[in-house]
Amino acid sequence: MSQLREVIGEQKPEYCVQCGKCTSVCPVSRFMDFNPRKIIAMIDLNMIDDLLKSRTIWTCTDCLKCVEVCPRTVSPYDAIQALRNIAVEKGLPYPSGYDELMKSVIGIGFIQQPQTIRTRTKERINRQSLELPTLQTPLQIEKIRSIVQQMLSGKGENP
């Protein structure tokens, strides 16, 4: 629990009144082993290992709706991010798609290359045709690459 508290910082799961607003707005709660409300309750009960072993922490879409609606400023999102970090540090398995995402960040600096899309009239549109600026590689790309490569080299078994 202390490691989780350290990562979460000022989050206080004991402030949660179990109103269920976070779960009601969560677009993926029905696909989770434990919904956002239950995640906070389990953290408060120090059931961290159960959460780390579940697929719940990888199901969150990072939409932040749970943060927006909480009347007690408890953030299931922050808790989930902390749990993800702890899982990776412990070498626990994570979804295989994360490897591809990280490789893309190392290669081009983004999670995916900007794409050309088709409109309903079958016209192709890209950033330039919309008069959007060309995407620039992040300023500290070498630092980002180094950090991501360290993360990949220290990862656990991939399911």
C-alpha atoms as a PDB file:
ATOM      1  CA  MET A   1       0.000   0.000   0.000  1.00  0.00           C
ATOM      2  CA  SER A   2       2.795   2.434   0.762  1.00  0.00           C
ATOM      3  CA  GLN A   3       4.177   2.036  -2.783  1.00  0.00           C
ATOM      4  CA  LEU A   4       0.744   2.732  -4.225  1.00  0.00           C
ATOM      5  CA  ARG A   5       0.247   5.733  -1.904  1.00  0.00           C
ATOM      6  CA  GLU A   6       3.657   7.023  -2.903  1.00  0.00           C
ATOM      7  CA  VAL A   7       2.786   6.859  -6.610  1.00  0.00           C
ATOM      8  CA  ILE A   8      -0.725   8.248  -6.217  1.00  0.00           C
ATOM      9  CA  GLY A   9       0.413  11.069  -3.948  1.00  0.00           C
ATOM     10  CA  GLU A  10      -2.494  12.925  -2.412  1.00  0.00           C
ATOM     11  CA  GLN A  11      -5.123  10.410  -3.498  1.00  0.00           C
ATOM     12  CA  LYS A  12      -7.090   9.172  -0.522  1.00  0.00           C
ATOM     13  CA  PRO A  13      -9.245   6.132  -1.327  1.00  0.00           C
ATOM     14  CA  GLU A  14     -10.838   6.339   2.110  1.00  0.00           C
ATOM     15  CA  TYR A  15     -12.574   9.554   0.973  1.00  0.00           C
ATOM     16  CA  CYS A  16     -14.652   7.556  -1.516  1.00  0.00           C
ATOM     17  CA  VAL A  17     -18.304   7.342  -0.444  1.00  0.00           C
ATOM     18  CA  GLN A  18     -19.053   4.579  -2.970  1.00  0.00           C
ATOM     19  CA  CYS A  19     -21.673   6.685  -4.762  1.00  0.00           C
ATOM     20  CA  GLY A  20     -21.006   4.868  -8.051  1.00  0.00           C
ATOM     21  CA  LYS A  21     -20.809   7.973 -10.258  1.00  0.00           C
ATOM     22  CA  CYS A  22     -17.383   6.907 -11.541  1.00  0.00           C
ATOM     23  CA  THR A  23     -18.702   3.519 -12.572  1.00  0.00           C
ATOM     24  CA  SER A  24     -21.834   4.928 -14.182  1.00  0.00           C
ATOM     25  CA  VAL A  25     -19.841   7.177 -16.559  1.00  0.00           C
ATOM     26  CA  CYS A  26     -17.057   4.691 -17.312  1.00  0.00           C
ATOM     27  CA  PRO A  27     -17.377   3.535 -20.938  1.00  0.00           C
ATOM     28  CA  VAL A  28     -15.672   0.200 -20.216  1.00  0.00           C
ATOM     29  CA  SER A  29     -16.774  -0.658 -16.673  1.00  0.00           C
ATOM     30  CA  ARG A  30     -18.887  -3.550 -17.919  1.00  0.00           C
ATOM     31  CA  PHE A  31     -15.773  -5.111 -19.452  1.00  0.00           C
ATOM     32  CA  MET A  32     -13.673  -4.782 -16.303  1.00  0.00           C
ATOM     33  CA  ASP A  33     -13.167  -7.475 -13.698  1.00  0.00           C
ATOM     34  CA  PHE A  34     -13.525  -4.699 -11.098  1.00  0.00           C
ATOM     35  CA  ASN A  35     -15.344  -1.446 -11.875  1.00  0.00           C
ATOM     36  CA  PRO A  36     -13.861   1.945 -10.874  1.00  0.00           C
ATOM     37  CA  ARG A  37     -15.838   2.101  -7.621  1.00  0.00           C
ATOM     38  CA  LYS A  38     -14.645  -1.354  -6.645  1.00  0.00           C
ATOM     39  CA  ILE A  39     -11.049  -0.501  -7.571  1.00  0.00           C
ATOM     40  CA  ILE A  40     -11.048   2.307  -5.033  1.00  0.00           C
ATOM     41  CA  ALA A  41     -12.657   0.068  -2.395  1.00  0.00           C
ATOM     42  CA  MET A  42     -10.061  -2.639  -3.042  1.00  0.00           C
ATOM     43  CA  ILE A  43      -7.214  -0.138  -2.715  1.00  0.00           C
ATOM     44  CA  ASP A  44      -8.707   1.050   0.568  1.00  0.00           C
ATOM     45  CA  LEU A  45      -8.824  -2.599   1.713  1.00  0.00           C
ATOM     46  CA  ASN A  46      -5.217  -3.127   0.542  1.00  0.00           C
ATOM     47  CA  MET A  47      -6.209  -5.715  -2.080  1.00  0.00           C
ATOM     48  CA  ILE A  48      -3.508  -4.449  -4.422  1.00  0.00           C
ATOM     49  CA  ASP A  49      -2.286  -7.863  -5.597  1.00  0.00           C
ATOM     50  CA  ASP A  50      -5.769  -8.795  -6.808  1.00  0.00           C
ATOM     51  CA  LEU A  51      -5.886  -5.621  -8.884  1.00  0.00           C
ATOM     52  CA  LEU A  52      -2.389  -6.100 -10.288  1.00  0.00           C
ATOM     53  CA  LYS A  53      -3.211  -9.612 -11.453  1.00  0.00           C
ATOM     54  CA  SER A  54      -6.485  -8.609 -13.094  1.00  0.00           C
ATOM     55  CA  ARG A  55      -6.935  -7.246 -16.602  1.00  0.00           C
ATOM     56  CA  THR A  56      -8.889  -4.331 -15.148  1.00  0.00           C
ATOM     57  CA  ILE A  57      -5.983  -1.907 -14.988  1.00  0.00           C
ATOM     58  CA  TRP A  58      -5.310  -2.431 -18.699  1.00  0.00           C
ATOM     59  CA  THR A  59      -8.962  -2.027 -19.723  1.00  0.00           C
ATOM     60  CA  CYS A  60      -9.240   1.645 -18.691  1.00  0.00           C
ATOM     61  CA  THR A  61      -9.467   3.946 -21.738  1.00  0.00           C
ATOM     62  CA  ASP A  62      -7.982   6.980 -19.937  1.00  0.00           C
ATOM     63  CA  CYS A  63     -11.059   9.099 -20.703  1.00  0.00           C
ATOM     64  CA  LEU A  64     -10.957  10.797 -17.259  1.00  0.00           C
ATOM     65  CA  LYS A  65     -14.763  10.794 -16.925  1.00  0.00           C
ATOM     66  CA  CYS A  66     -14.431   9.201 -13.474  1.00  0.00           C
ATOM     67  CA  VAL A  67     -12.305  12.141 -12.342  1.00  0.00           C
ATOM     68  CA  GLU A  68     -14.800  14.684 -13.666  1.00  0.00           C
ATOM     69  CA  VAL A  69     -17.806  13.289 -11.795  1.00  0.00           C
ATOM     70  CA  CYS A  70     -16.304  12.337  -8.425  1.00  0.00           C
ATOM     71  CA  PRO A  71     -17.825  14.490  -5.675  1.00  0.00           C
ATOM     72  CA  ARG A  72     -14.932  13.649  -3.319  1.00  0.00           C
ATOM     73  CA  THR A  73     -12.040  14.214  -5.775  1.00  0.00           C
ATOM     74  CA  VAL A  74     -10.963  10.583  -5.608  1.00  0.00           C
ATOM     75  CA  SER A  75      -9.539   9.538  -8.948  1.00  0.00           C
ATOM     76  CA  PRO A  76      -9.858   5.940 -10.095  1.00  0.00           C
ATOM     77  CA  TYR A  77      -7.864   7.046 -13.151  1.00  0.00           C
ATOM     78  CA  ASP A  78      -4.840   8.083 -11.062  1.00  0.00           C
ATOM     79  CA  ALA A  79      -5.105   4.864  -9.086  1.00  0.00           C
ATOM     80  CA  ILE A  80      -5.179   2.813 -12.291  1.00  0.00           C
ATOM     81  CA  GLN A  81      -2.142   4.654 -13.678  1.00  0.00           C
ATOM     82  CA  ALA A  82      -0.262   3.976 -10.443  1.00  0.00           C
ATOM     83  CA  LEU A  83      -1.277   0.312 -10.557  1.00  0.00           C
ATOM     84  CA  ARG A  84      -0.067   0.051 -14.165  1.00  0.00           C
ATOM     85  CA  ASN A  85       3.288   1.514 -13.182  1.00  0.00           C
ATOM     86  CA  ILE A  86       3.619  -0.898 -10.272  1.00  0.00           C
ATOM     87  CA  ALA A  87       2.660  -3.857 -12.493  1.00  0.00           C
ATOM     88  CA  VAL A  88       5.341  -2.955 -15.035  1.00  0.00           C
ATOM     89  CA  GLU A  89       7.941  -2.388 -12.300  1.00  0.00           C
ATOM     90  CA  LYS A  90       7.133  -5.836 -10.870  1.00  0.00           C
ATOM     91  CA  GLY A  91       7.475  -7.406 -14.301  1.00  0.00           C
ATOM     92  CA  LEU A  92       3.845  -8.513 -14.480  1.00  0.00           C
ATOM     93  CA  PRO A  93       2.349  -9.223 -17.916  1.00  0.00           C
ATOM     94  CA  TYR A  94       0.686  -6.430 -19.829  1.00  0.00           C
ATOM     95  CA  PRO A  95      -1.216  -6.309 -23.136  1.00  0.00           C
ATOM     96  CA  SER A  96       0.924  -7.093 -26.166  1.00  0.00           C
ATOM     97  CA  GLY A  97      -0.226  -3.965 -28.004  1.00  0.00           C
ATOM     98  CA  TYR A  98       1.871  -1.844 -25.673  1.00  0.00           C
ATOM     99  CA  ASP A  99       5.069  -3.197 -27.235  1.00  0.00           C
ATOM    100  CA  GLU A 100       4.004  -2.013 -30.703  1.00  0.00           C
ATOM    101  CA  LEU A 101       3.008   1.357 -29.312  1.00  0.00           C
ATOM    102  CA  MET A 102       6.402   1.757 -27.635  1.00  0.00           C
ATOM    103  CA  LYS A 103       8.270   0.690 -30.775  1.00  0.00           C
ATOM    104  CA  SER A 104       6.378   3.317 -32.739  1.00  0.00           C
ATOM    105  CA  VAL A 105       7.296   5.994 -30.194  1.00  0.00           C
ATOM    106  CA  ILE A 106      10.954   4.978 -30.472  1.00  0.00           C
ATOM    107  CA  GLY A 107      10.837   4.976 -34.271  1.00  0.00           C
ATOM    108  CA  ILE A 108       8.841   8.086 -35.155  1.00  0.00           C
ATOM    109  CA  GLY A 109       8.131   9.848 -31.858  1.00  0.00           C
ATOM    110  CA  PHE A 110       4.376   9.212 -32.016  1.00  0.00           C
ATOM    111  CA  ILE A 111       2.131   6.279 -31.236  1.00  0.00           C
ATOM    112  CA  GLN A 112       1.134   6.155 -34.890  1.00  0.00           C
ATOM    113  CA  GLN A 113       1.910   7.895 -38.125  1.00  0.00           C
ATOM    114  CA  PRO A 114      -0.683  10.517 -39.146  1.00  0.00           C
ATOM    115  CA  GLN A 115      -2.934   8.933 -41.732  1.00  0.00           C
ATOM    116  CA  THR A 116      -4.711   9.987 -44.877  1.00  0.00           C
ATOM    117  CA  ILE A 117      -8.446   9.480 -44.533  1.00  0.00           C
ATOM    118  CA  ARG A 118     -11.311   9.243 -47.003  1.00  0.00           C
ATOM    119  CA  THR A 119     -14.388  11.388 -46.767  1.00  0.00           C
ATOM    120  CA  ARG A 120     -17.874  10.135 -47.613  1.00  0.00           C
ATOM    121  CA  THR A 121     -17.327  11.421 -51.134  1.00  0.00           C
ATOM    122  CA  LYS A 122     -14.167   9.262 -51.316  1.00  0.00           C
ATOM    123  CA  GLU A 123     -11.888  12.286 -51.337  1.00  0.00           C
ATOM    124  CA  ARG A 124      -8.536  11.713 -49.595  1.00  0.00           C
ATOM    125  CA  ILE A 125      -7.703  14.184 -46.848  1.00  0.00           C
ATOM    126  CA  ASN A 126      -4.412  14.611 -45.022  1.00  0.00           C
ATOM    127  CA  ARG A 127      -2.950  17.229 -42.699  1.00  0.00           C
ATOM    128  CA  GLN A 128      -1.709  19.385 -45.547  1.00  0.00           C
ATOM    129  CA  SER A 129      -5.078  19.479 -47.349  1.00  0.00           C
ATOM    130  CA  LEU A 130      -6.637  20.658 -44.083  1.00  0.00           C
ATOM    131  CA  GLU A 131      -3.896  23.305 -43.853  1.00  0.00           C
ATOM    132  CA  LEU A 132      -2.621  21.809 -40.619  1.00  0.00           C
ATOM    133  CA  PRO A 133       1.076  22.131 -39.859  1.00  0.00           C
ATOM    134  CA  THR A 134       3.336  19.155 -40.510  1.00  0.00           C
ATOM    135  CA  LEU A 135       3.911  17.233 -37.304  1.00  0.00           C
ATOM    136  CA  GLN A 136       7.327  17.829 -35.842  1.00  0.00           C
ATOM    137  CA  THR A 137       9.341  15.200 -34.038  1.00  0.00           C
ATOM    138  CA  PRO A 138       9.216  15.864 -30.271  1.00  0.00           C
ATOM    139  CA  LEU A 139      12.013  18.188 -29.126  1.00  0.00           C
ATOM    140  CA  GLN A 140      13.543  15.687 -26.741  1.00  0.00           C
ATOM    141  CA  ILE A 141      13.091  12.612 -28.943  1.00  0.00           C
ATOM    142  CA  GLU A 142      16.414  11.056 -27.953  1.00  0.00           C
ATOM    143  CA  LYS A 143      15.537  11.327 -24.274  1.00  0.00           C
ATOM    144  CA  ILE A 144      12.094   9.854 -24.988  1.00  0.00           C
ATOM    145  CA  ARG A 145      13.624   6.996 -26.983  1.00  0.00           C
ATOM    146  CA  SER A 146      16.063   6.249 -24.183  1.00  0.00           C
ATOM    147  CA  ILE A 147      13.319   6.133 -21.555  1.00  0.00           C
ATOM    148  CA  VAL A 148      11.061   3.945 -23.682  1.00  0.00           C
ATOM    149  CA  GLN A 149      13.918   1.558 -24.501  1.00  0.00           C
ATOM    150  CA  GLN A 150      14.692   1.258 -20.771  1.00  0.00           C
ATOM    151  CA  MET A 151      11.038   0.471 -20.123  1.00  0.00           C
ATOM    152  CA  LEU A 152      11.036  -2.213 -22.807  1.00  0.00           C
ATOM    153  CA  SER A 153      14.247  -3.815 -21.610  1.00  0.00           C
ATOM    154  CA  GLY A 154      12.932  -4.092 -18.050  1.00  0.00           C
ATOM    155  CA  LYS A 155       9.534  -5.504 -18.904  1.00  0.00           C
ATOM    156  CA  GLY A 156       8.108  -8.794 -17.723  1.00  0.00           C
ATOM    157  CA  GLU A 157       6.743 -11.676 -19.740  1.00  0.00           C
ATOM    158  CA  ASN A 158       4.240 -10.594 -22.340  1.00  0.00           C
ATOM    159  CA  PRO A 159       0.977 -12.562 -22.469  1.00  0.00           C
END
